[in-house]
Amino acid sequence: MTETDLIVRIAARGDGVTADGRHVAGGVPGDHVAADGTLVAGPNRATPVCRHFGKCGGCQLQHVSEAALADFVRERVAGALAGQQVTAGDVRPAHLSPPHSRRRAVLTAIKAGKQVAIGFNAAQSNQIVDMRECPLLAPELFALIAPIRNLLGLIAPQRRPVKVKLQRLDQGVELILEGVKAEGLDAAMALQDFAGAHALSRFAIDQGDGLEILWQPEPPTVCFGDIAVEVPPFAFLQATTAGEAALLGAVREAIGDAPAVADLFAGVGTFALSVQAGRKVYAAEGARDAIAALTGAANRARTLVATEHRDLFRRPLVPAELDRFGAVILDPPRAGAEEQVKQLAAAATPVIAYVSCNPASFARDAKLLVAGGYRLDWVQPVGQFRWSTHVELAARFSR
């Protein structure tokens, strides 16, 4: 074997890549490719911890050691920046969320005869891998999988997919089922009994004509700092509390003691409510139910958080508005925030804390900011979706 047969990195989709650029499924840095094409294991290979690995699309990298997994997360960010010719002062070591920490998940279920399969889709397939264990999900979520399977045996239509949305809130697990048919008194009673028996915080179904909340003993909340937000059904939250803490810590560090901060793409207030103590915060969000939840929480807590329902893709803040703030927090969806970033590049805002769930769109936006006179001081990569190729980050830009 030669050095060109050595696996030197993991590509964005999880394949190993040799020194001469060949992609090898299942390769890990340190492995060698033998003459017959088989892999000779190197020091960075790990034993997968789940029986479904290799079939289930929820994890792509369980065969990778902890150190190599952290390197992969960091290199995804560094590689995206290099591809846009953007230099960062520091790309920090990655933060990885631990096993059994995912507090939200979207699964698919399908009923065939009397059997119900529920789980993540198989890799690059619509086939469902029937979940019998899961090292990703928080224990409270996984404990509901078998009961949900039994419930769907009563209300799932034959051979039509049902979406199963699970999320842990302060009062317990929220469950939303989309694509079921719960007709008649017996079905209604079974659903109520299920929600009570499993102490759900909220139980809602969609039979094709909109979401119907069947069970909600009290308004479900999630706390940011000491402020409770009454969240709408399956509101967007960070995937793990550990990942949220890592991103929030980076944002706090980035904005420092700025007395006035804008939180753009604020959602239900993950960052705005967490950093508001001792400063004024303006929060803008395009989703009406999310900004309503944030506004209600901010008002009840009597904070100095001003909110606005605003589509930042169509109507980004312009320099005259941005220049009122000592720092801007930017947390856009996967597509990034190109229109808003163009306005920031023309503004005099001293600091930007950019939170991203897509290194590629982040690097594109970073190039625009650097061209506008910002420095990329540091980037904190975060692997919330453990054993996945999905990478997140928080970064600090300054003038």
Protein backbone atom coordinates (compact mmCIF):
# COMPACT_ATOMS: atom_id res chain seq x y z
CA MET A 1 0.00 0.00 0.00
CA THR A 2 1.14 3.53 -0.80
CA GLU A 3 0.41 6.90 0.75
CA THR A 4 -2.11 7.54 -2.02
CA ASP A 5 -4.15 4.63 -0.61
CA LEU A 6 -4.44 6.33 2.79
CA ILE A 7 -7.83 7.79 3.80
CA VAL A 8 -6.98 11.34 4.83
CA ARG A 9 -10.36 12.96 5.45
CA ILE A 10 -14.13 12.52 5.43
CA ALA A 11 -16.11 14.25 2.70
CA ALA A 12 -19.24 16.31 3.31
CA ARG A 13 -21.54 13.34 2.69
CA GLY A 14 -19.58 10.95 4.92
CA ASP A 15 -17.35 9.06 2.46
CA GLY A 16 -13.68 8.64 3.18
CA VAL A 17 -11.33 10.40 0.75
CA THR A 18 -7.88 9.10 -0.16
CA ALA A 19 -4.80 11.24 -0.61
CA ASP A 20 -5.27 11.08 -4.39
CA GLY A 21 -8.93 12.14 -4.17
CA ARG A 22 -10.84 8.85 -4.42
CA HIS A 23 -14.09 8.58 -2.43
CA VAL A 24 -14.46 5.35 -0.45
CA ALA A 25 -17.71 4.48 1.32
CA GLY A 26 -17.14 3.80 5.01
CA GLY A 27 -13.56 5.08 5.00
CA VAL A 28 -12.11 6.73 8.09
CA PRO A 29 -8.94 8.86 8.27
CA GLY A 30 -6.06 6.47 8.93
CA ASP A 31 -7.63 3.54 7.02
CA HIS A 32 -5.87 2.19 3.93
CA VAL A 33 -7.47 0.92 0.73
CA ALA A 34 -6.09 -2.51 -0.15
CA ALA A 35 -5.34 -3.59 -3.73
CA ASP A 36 -8.68 -5.46 -3.92
CA GLY A 37 -10.59 -2.34 -2.81
CA THR A 38 -11.27 -3.46 0.75
CA LEU A 39 -10.51 -1.23 3.72
CA VAL A 40 -7.74 -1.95 6.19
CA ALA A 41 -8.82 -0.41 9.49
CA GLY A 42 -6.72 2.36 10.99
CA PRO A 43 -6.56 3.89 14.47
CA ASN A 44 -9.58 6.19 14.04
CA ARG A 45 -12.18 3.50 13.47
CA ALA A 46 -14.84 2.84 16.13
CA THR A 47 -17.38 0.09 16.70
CA PRO A 48 -20.89 1.34 15.85
CA VAL A 49 -23.12 1.48 18.92
CA CYS A 50 -26.47 0.84 17.20
CA ARG A 51 -27.78 -2.29 15.49
CA HIS A 52 -29.39 -0.12 12.79
CA PHE A 53 -26.17 1.59 11.70
CA GLY A 54 -25.53 1.11 8.01
CA LYS A 55 -29.25 1.00 7.21
CA CYS A 56 -30.74 3.91 9.15
CA GLY A 57 -30.20 7.35 7.65
CA GLY A 58 -30.14 9.03 11.07
CA CYS A 59 -26.40 8.39 11.51
CA GLN A 60 -23.63 8.26 8.94
CA LEU A 61 -20.53 8.30 11.15
CA GLN A 62 -20.89 5.87 14.06
CA HIS A 63 -17.83 4.02 12.73
CA VAL A 64 -15.65 7.09 13.37
CA SER A 65 -13.77 7.65 16.65
CA GLU A 66 -14.63 10.59 18.89
CA ALA A 67 -11.47 12.50 18.01
CA ALA A 68 -11.88 11.93 14.27
CA LEU A 69 -15.55 12.90 14.48
CA ALA A 70 -14.63 16.21 16.14
CA ASP A 71 -11.98 16.76 13.47
CA PHE A 72 -14.58 16.14 10.75
CA VAL A 73 -16.95 18.75 12.22
CA ARG A 74 -14.14 21.31 12.46
CA GLU A 75 -12.83 20.54 8.97
CA ARG A 76 -16.29 20.94 7.42
CA VAL A 77 -16.27 24.55 8.62
CA ALA A 78 -12.61 25.21 7.73
CA GLY A 79 -13.06 23.64 4.29
CA ALA A 80 -16.16 25.71 3.50
CA LEU A 81 -14.29 28.90 4.39
CA ALA A 82 -11.26 27.88 2.36
CA GLY A 83 -13.54 27.24 -0.61
CA GLN A 84 -14.64 30.88 -0.44
CA GLN A 85 -11.09 32.10 0.25
CA VAL A 86 -12.11 33.45 3.66
CA THR A 87 -9.51 33.44 6.44
CA ALA A 88 -10.65 33.02 10.05
CA GLY A 89 -8.55 34.16 12.98
CA ASP A 90 -9.31 30.83 14.65
CA VAL A 91 -11.44 27.78 13.83
CA ARG A 92 -11.85 26.30 17.26
CA PRO A 93 -12.08 22.63 18.24
CA ALA A 94 -15.58 21.27 17.70
CA HIS A 95 -18.16 20.84 20.44
CA LEU A 96 -20.04 17.51 20.13
CA SER A 97 -23.37 16.82 21.78
CA PRO A 98 -23.35 13.56 23.77
CA PRO A 99 -25.29 10.40 22.91
CA HIS A 100 -28.96 10.18 23.96
CA SER A 101 -29.34 13.96 23.90
CA ARG A 102 -31.60 14.74 20.91
CA ARG A 103 -34.68 16.45 22.34
CA ARG A 104 -36.57 16.79 19.03
CA ALA A 105 -37.02 14.45 16.11
CA VAL A 106 -39.21 13.92 13.05
CA LEU A 107 -39.81 10.25 12.31
CA THR A 108 -41.93 8.43 9.75
CA ALA A 109 -44.27 5.53 10.37
CA ILE A 110 -46.10 3.22 8.00
CA LYS A 111 -48.66 0.50 8.62
CA ALA A 112 -48.69 -2.67 6.51
CA GLY A 113 -51.32 -5.15 7.58
CA LYS A 114 -51.14 -5.30 11.36
CA GLN A 115 -47.48 -4.27 11.52
CA VAL A 116 -46.31 -0.70 12.06
CA ALA A 117 -42.73 0.40 11.33
CA ILE A 118 -41.54 3.69 12.83
CA GLY A 119 -38.15 5.35 12.61
CA PHE A 120 -35.84 7.37 10.41
CA ASN A 121 -35.66 6.68 6.69
CA ALA A 122 -32.96 4.40 5.38
CA ALA A 123 -29.99 6.19 3.84
CA GLN A 124 -30.95 7.69 0.45
CA SER A 125 -34.26 5.81 0.50
CA ASN A 126 -37.94 6.16 1.39
CA GLN A 127 -37.80 2.85 3.24
CA ILE A 128 -38.33 3.18 7.00
CA VAL A 129 -35.92 1.47 9.37
CA ASP A 130 -38.11 0.20 12.23
CA MET A 131 -36.51 1.71 15.33
CA ARG A 132 -35.75 -0.80 18.09
CA GLU A 133 -32.97 1.22 19.67
CA CYS A 134 -31.56 4.71 19.17
CA PRO A 135 -28.41 6.15 20.74
CA LEU A 136 -29.39 9.62 19.47
CA LEU A 137 -32.76 10.27 21.09
CA ALA A 138 -33.21 11.49 24.64
CA PRO A 139 -34.57 8.63 26.80
CA GLU A 140 -37.94 10.38 27.23
CA LEU A 141 -38.44 10.41 23.46
CA PHE A 142 -37.29 6.87 22.82
CA ALA A 143 -39.53 5.55 25.61
CA LEU A 144 -42.54 6.62 23.52
CA ILE A 145 -41.57 4.78 20.33
CA ALA A 146 -43.11 1.42 21.25
CA PRO A 147 -46.33 2.95 22.63
CA ILE A 148 -46.68 5.12 19.51
CA ARG A 149 -46.18 2.04 17.35
CA ASN A 150 -49.09 0.37 19.16
CA LEU A 151 -51.28 3.48 18.91
CA LEU A 152 -50.67 3.79 15.18
CA GLY A 153 -51.85 0.23 14.81
CA LEU A 154 -55.31 1.65 15.61
CA ILE A 155 -55.32 4.96 13.70
CA ALA A 156 -52.71 4.82 10.90
CA PRO A 157 -54.04 4.27 7.36
CA GLN A 158 -52.72 1.30 5.43
CA ARG A 159 -49.47 1.87 3.53
CA ARG A 160 -49.54 5.66 3.80
CA PRO A 161 -46.77 7.47 5.66
CA VAL A 162 -47.50 9.14 8.99
CA LYS A 163 -45.21 11.89 10.28
CA VAL A 164 -44.33 11.54 13.95
CA LYS A 165 -42.94 14.70 15.56
CA LEU A 166 -41.51 14.50 19.06
CA GLN A 167 -40.09 17.30 21.17
CA ARG A 168 -39.21 17.57 24.85
CA LEU A 169 -40.64 20.68 26.52
CA ASP A 170 -40.65 21.82 30.15
CA GLN A 171 -43.86 19.92 30.97
CA GLY A 172 -42.97 16.72 29.14
CA VAL A 173 -42.88 15.40 25.59
CA GLU A 174 -44.93 17.00 22.82
CA LEU A 175 -46.27 14.58 20.20
CA ILE A 176 -47.72 15.52 16.81
CA LEU A 177 -49.05 12.92 14.36
CA GLU A 178 -49.69 13.96 10.75
CA GLY A 179 -51.59 11.75 8.32
CA VAL A 180 -53.69 9.68 10.73
CA LYS A 181 -57.42 8.97 10.79
CA ALA A 182 -59.02 9.05 14.24
CA GLU A 183 -62.73 8.61 13.61
CA GLY A 184 -65.38 7.80 16.17
CA LEU A 185 -65.69 7.93 19.93
CA ASP A 186 -63.45 4.92 20.58
CA ALA A 187 -60.55 6.48 18.67
CA ALA A 188 -61.01 9.83 20.43
CA MET A 189 -61.01 8.15 23.83
CA ALA A 190 -57.93 6.08 22.95
CA LEU A 191 -56.02 9.22 22.02
CA GLN A 192 -56.98 11.00 25.24
CA ASP A 193 -56.04 7.94 27.30
CA PHE A 194 -52.69 7.71 25.50
CA ALA A 195 -51.83 11.35 26.21
CA GLY A 196 -52.73 11.04 29.89
CA ALA A 197 -50.96 7.71 30.39
CA HIS A 198 -47.71 9.11 28.97
CA ALA A 199 -47.97 12.54 30.61
CA LEU A 200 -47.61 14.38 27.32
CA SER A 201 -47.24 18.14 27.43
CA ARG A 202 -49.21 18.44 24.19
CA PHE A 203 -50.77 15.95 21.79
CA ALA A 204 -51.99 17.07 18.37
CA ILE A 205 -53.01 15.31 15.18
CA ASP A 206 -53.51 16.37 11.58
CA GLN A 207 -56.02 14.25 9.68
CA GLY A 208 -55.57 16.31 6.52
CA ASP A 209 -57.47 19.47 7.41
CA GLY A 210 -55.09 21.17 9.80
CA LEU A 211 -53.63 20.60 13.23
CA GLU A 212 -56.05 19.71 16.03
CA ILE A 213 -54.81 19.88 19.62
CA LEU A 214 -56.31 16.98 21.56
CA TRP A 215 -54.43 17.31 24.83
CA GLN A 216 -52.76 20.25 26.52
CA PRO A 217 -53.26 20.35 30.29
CA GLU A 218 -51.41 23.68 30.50
CA PRO A 219 -49.61 25.90 28.00
CA PRO A 220 -46.37 24.06 27.08
CA THR A 221 -43.25 26.12 27.64
CA VAL A 222 -39.52 26.16 27.13
CA CYS A 223 -37.23 28.35 29.22
CA PHE A 224 -34.47 30.60 27.97
CA GLY A 225 -32.59 31.82 31.01
CA ASP A 226 -35.34 32.31 33.55
CA ILE A 227 -38.00 33.33 31.00
CA ALA A 228 -40.63 30.77 29.98
CA VAL A 229 -41.98 30.96 26.42
CA GLU A 230 -45.36 29.43 25.60
CA VAL A 231 -44.31 27.77 22.37
CA PRO A 232 -46.52 26.95 19.37
CA PRO A 233 -46.79 23.33 18.18
CA PHE A 234 -43.38 21.88 17.28
CA ALA A 235 -41.70 25.26 17.52
CA PHE A 236 -38.11 25.26 16.32
CA LEU A 237 -35.63 24.59 19.14
CA GLN A 238 -31.97 23.66 18.96
CA ALA A 239 -31.66 19.89 18.65
CA THR A 240 -29.92 19.36 22.00
CA THR A 241 -29.61 21.37 25.19
CA ALA A 242 -25.83 20.84 25.05
CA GLY A 243 -25.69 22.23 21.52
CA GLU A 244 -27.86 25.17 22.50
CA ALA A 245 -25.56 25.93 25.43
CA ALA A 246 -22.49 25.81 23.17
CA LEU A 247 -24.04 28.17 20.62
CA LEU A 248 -25.36 30.49 23.30
CA GLY A 249 -21.97 30.61 25.03
CA ALA A 250 -20.34 31.58 21.75
CA VAL A 251 -22.96 34.27 21.09
CA ARG A 252 -22.50 35.74 24.57
CA GLU A 253 -18.75 35.85 24.04
CA ALA A 254 -19.14 37.43 20.61
CA ILE A 255 -21.47 40.27 21.60
CA GLY A 256 -19.71 41.04 24.88
CA ASP A 257 -21.32 43.85 26.85
CA ALA A 258 -22.97 45.64 23.90
CA PRO A 259 -25.81 47.67 25.44
CA ALA A 260 -28.13 47.34 22.43
CA VAL A 261 -28.40 44.16 20.34
CA ALA A 262 -30.47 43.09 17.33
CA ASP A 263 -31.47 39.43 17.09
CA LEU A 264 -32.40 38.68 13.48
CA PHE A 265 -34.27 35.46 12.63
CA ALA A 266 -35.03 35.35 16.34
CA GLY A 267 -37.46 32.41 16.35
CA VAL A 268 -39.15 31.98 19.73
CA GLY A 269 -36.32 33.80 21.49
CA THR A 270 -33.47 31.34 22.06
CA PHE A 271 -30.86 34.11 21.93
CA ALA A 272 -32.89 37.29 22.47
CA LEU A 273 -34.32 36.16 25.81
CA SER A 274 -31.08 34.52 26.94
CA VAL A 275 -28.96 37.67 26.50
CA GLN A 276 -31.50 40.39 27.34
CA ALA A 277 -30.57 41.00 30.99
CA GLY A 278 -28.95 44.42 31.32
CA ARG A 279 -29.40 45.46 27.69
CA LYS A 280 -31.95 46.45 25.08
CA VAL A 281 -32.76 43.84 22.46
CA TYR A 282 -34.62 44.18 19.17
CA ALA A 283 -35.87 40.82 17.83
CA ALA A 284 -37.17 40.27 14.29
CA GLU A 285 -38.72 37.06 12.95
CA GLY A 286 -40.76 36.21 9.85
CA ALA A 287 -42.79 33.33 11.31
CA ARG A 288 -45.92 34.85 12.86
CA ASP A 289 -46.53 32.20 15.53
CA ALA A 290 -42.89 32.26 16.67
CA ILE A 291 -42.70 36.05 17.04
CA ALA A 292 -46.06 36.05 18.84
CA ALA A 293 -44.69 33.56 21.37
CA LEU A 294 -41.53 35.62 21.86
CA THR A 295 -43.50 38.86 22.23
CA GLY A 296 -45.80 37.36 24.85
CA ALA A 297 -42.90 36.00 26.90
CA ALA A 298 -40.94 39.26 26.71
CA ASN A 299 -43.97 41.28 27.79
CA ARG A 300 -44.88 38.98 30.68
CA ALA A 301 -41.30 39.13 31.97
CA ARG A 302 -41.20 42.94 31.49
CA THR A 303 -37.95 42.79 29.57
CA LEU A 304 -36.46 45.44 27.32
CA VAL A 305 -37.03 43.24 24.28
CA ALA A 306 -38.83 44.94 21.37
CA THR A 307 -40.17 42.56 18.73
CA GLU A 308 -41.21 42.88 15.09
CA HIS A 309 -42.86 40.47 12.68
CA ARG A 310 -40.63 41.03 9.66
CA ASP A 311 -39.61 39.02 6.61
CA LEU A 312 -35.86 39.58 6.59
CA PHE A 313 -35.46 37.99 3.17
CA ARG A 314 -37.73 40.53 1.52
CA ARG A 315 -37.23 43.42 3.92
CA PRO A 316 -33.83 43.19 5.62
CA LEU A 317 -32.71 45.84 8.07
CA VAL A 318 -30.83 48.59 6.26
CA PRO A 319 -27.65 50.34 7.49
CA ALA A 320 -29.55 53.23 9.10
CA GLU A 321 -31.40 50.70 11.25
CA LEU A 322 -28.43 48.43 11.88
CA ASP A 323 -26.15 51.23 13.02
CA ARG A 324 -28.24 51.73 16.15
CA PHE A 325 -26.89 48.47 17.60
CA GLY A 326 -23.59 47.57 19.19
CA ALA A 327 -23.98 43.97 18.03
CA VAL A 328 -26.18 41.90 15.74
CA ILE A 329 -27.06 38.24 16.28
CA LEU A 330 -27.84 36.48 13.01
CA ASP A 331 -29.36 32.98 13.02
CA PRO A 332 -30.83 32.31 9.56
CA PRO A 333 -32.17 29.03 8.11
CA ARG A 334 -30.03 26.75 5.94
CA ALA A 335 -30.16 29.06 2.94
CA GLY A 336 -28.26 31.72 4.87
CA ALA A 337 -29.07 35.44 4.91
CA GLU A 338 -27.58 36.88 1.74
CA GLU A 339 -29.88 39.91 1.47
CA GLN A 340 -29.47 40.81 5.14
CA VAL A 341 -25.72 40.24 4.97
CA LYS A 342 -25.42 42.65 2.04
CA GLN A 343 -26.99 45.34 4.24
CA LEU A 344 -24.71 44.46 7.16
CA ALA A 345 -21.66 44.69 4.89
CA ALA A 346 -22.65 48.29 4.15
CA ALA A 347 -23.37 49.14 7.79
CA ALA A 348 -21.09 50.21 10.64
CA THR A 349 -22.31 47.63 13.18
CA PRO A 350 -19.23 46.81 15.30
CA VAL A 351 -19.88 43.10 15.93
CA ILE A 352 -21.87 40.29 14.33
CA ALA A 353 -22.53 36.95 16.03
CA TYR A 354 -23.48 34.62 13.19
CA VAL A 355 -25.11 31.26 14.04
CA SER A 356 -25.41 28.84 11.13
CA CYS A 357 -26.66 25.33 10.41
CA ASN A 358 -24.95 25.19 7.00
CA PRO A 359 -21.19 25.78 6.60
CA ALA A 360 -21.59 26.38 2.84
CA SER A 361 -24.11 29.23 3.08
CA PHE A 362 -22.22 30.63 6.08
CA ALA A 363 -18.97 30.75 4.09
CA ARG A 364 -20.74 32.49 1.20
CA ASP A 365 -22.13 35.11 3.58
CA ALA A 366 -18.77 35.41 5.36
CA LYS A 367 -17.14 36.31 2.06
CA LEU A 368 -19.61 39.18 1.62
CA LEU A 369 -18.98 40.46 5.14
CA VAL A 370 -15.20 40.31 4.77
CA ALA A 371 -15.45 42.11 1.43
CA GLY A 372 -17.45 44.78 3.29
CA GLY A 373 -14.66 45.34 5.81
CA TYR A 374 -15.34 42.83 8.58
CA ARG A 375 -12.78 40.46 10.12
CA LEU A 376 -13.77 36.89 10.92
CA ASP A 377 -12.30 36.66 14.42
CA TRP A 378 -13.19 33.06 15.23
CA VAL A 379 -15.59 30.23 14.49
CA GLN A 380 -16.94 27.67 16.97
CA PRO A 381 -18.04 24.48 15.16
CA VAL A 382 -20.83 22.53 16.88
CA GLY A 383 -21.88 18.94 16.18
CA GLN A 384 -25.40 18.83 17.61
CA PHE A 385 -26.48 16.06 15.26
CA ARG A 386 -24.04 13.49 16.57
CA TRP A 387 -22.71 10.91 14.09
CA SER A 388 -24.27 12.97 11.29
CA THR A 389 -22.73 15.00 8.49
CA HIS A 390 -24.91 17.95 9.59
CA VAL A 391 -22.67 20.66 11.09
CA GLU A 392 -23.52 23.91 12.89
CA LEU A 393 -21.43 26.81 14.11
CA ALA A 394 -21.28 30.21 15.75
CA ALA A 395 -18.85 32.91 14.60
CA ARG A 396 -17.74 36.43 15.51
CA PHE A 397 -17.20 39.15 12.93
CA SER A 398 -15.91 42.60 13.94
CA ARG A 399 -14.90 45.90 12.35
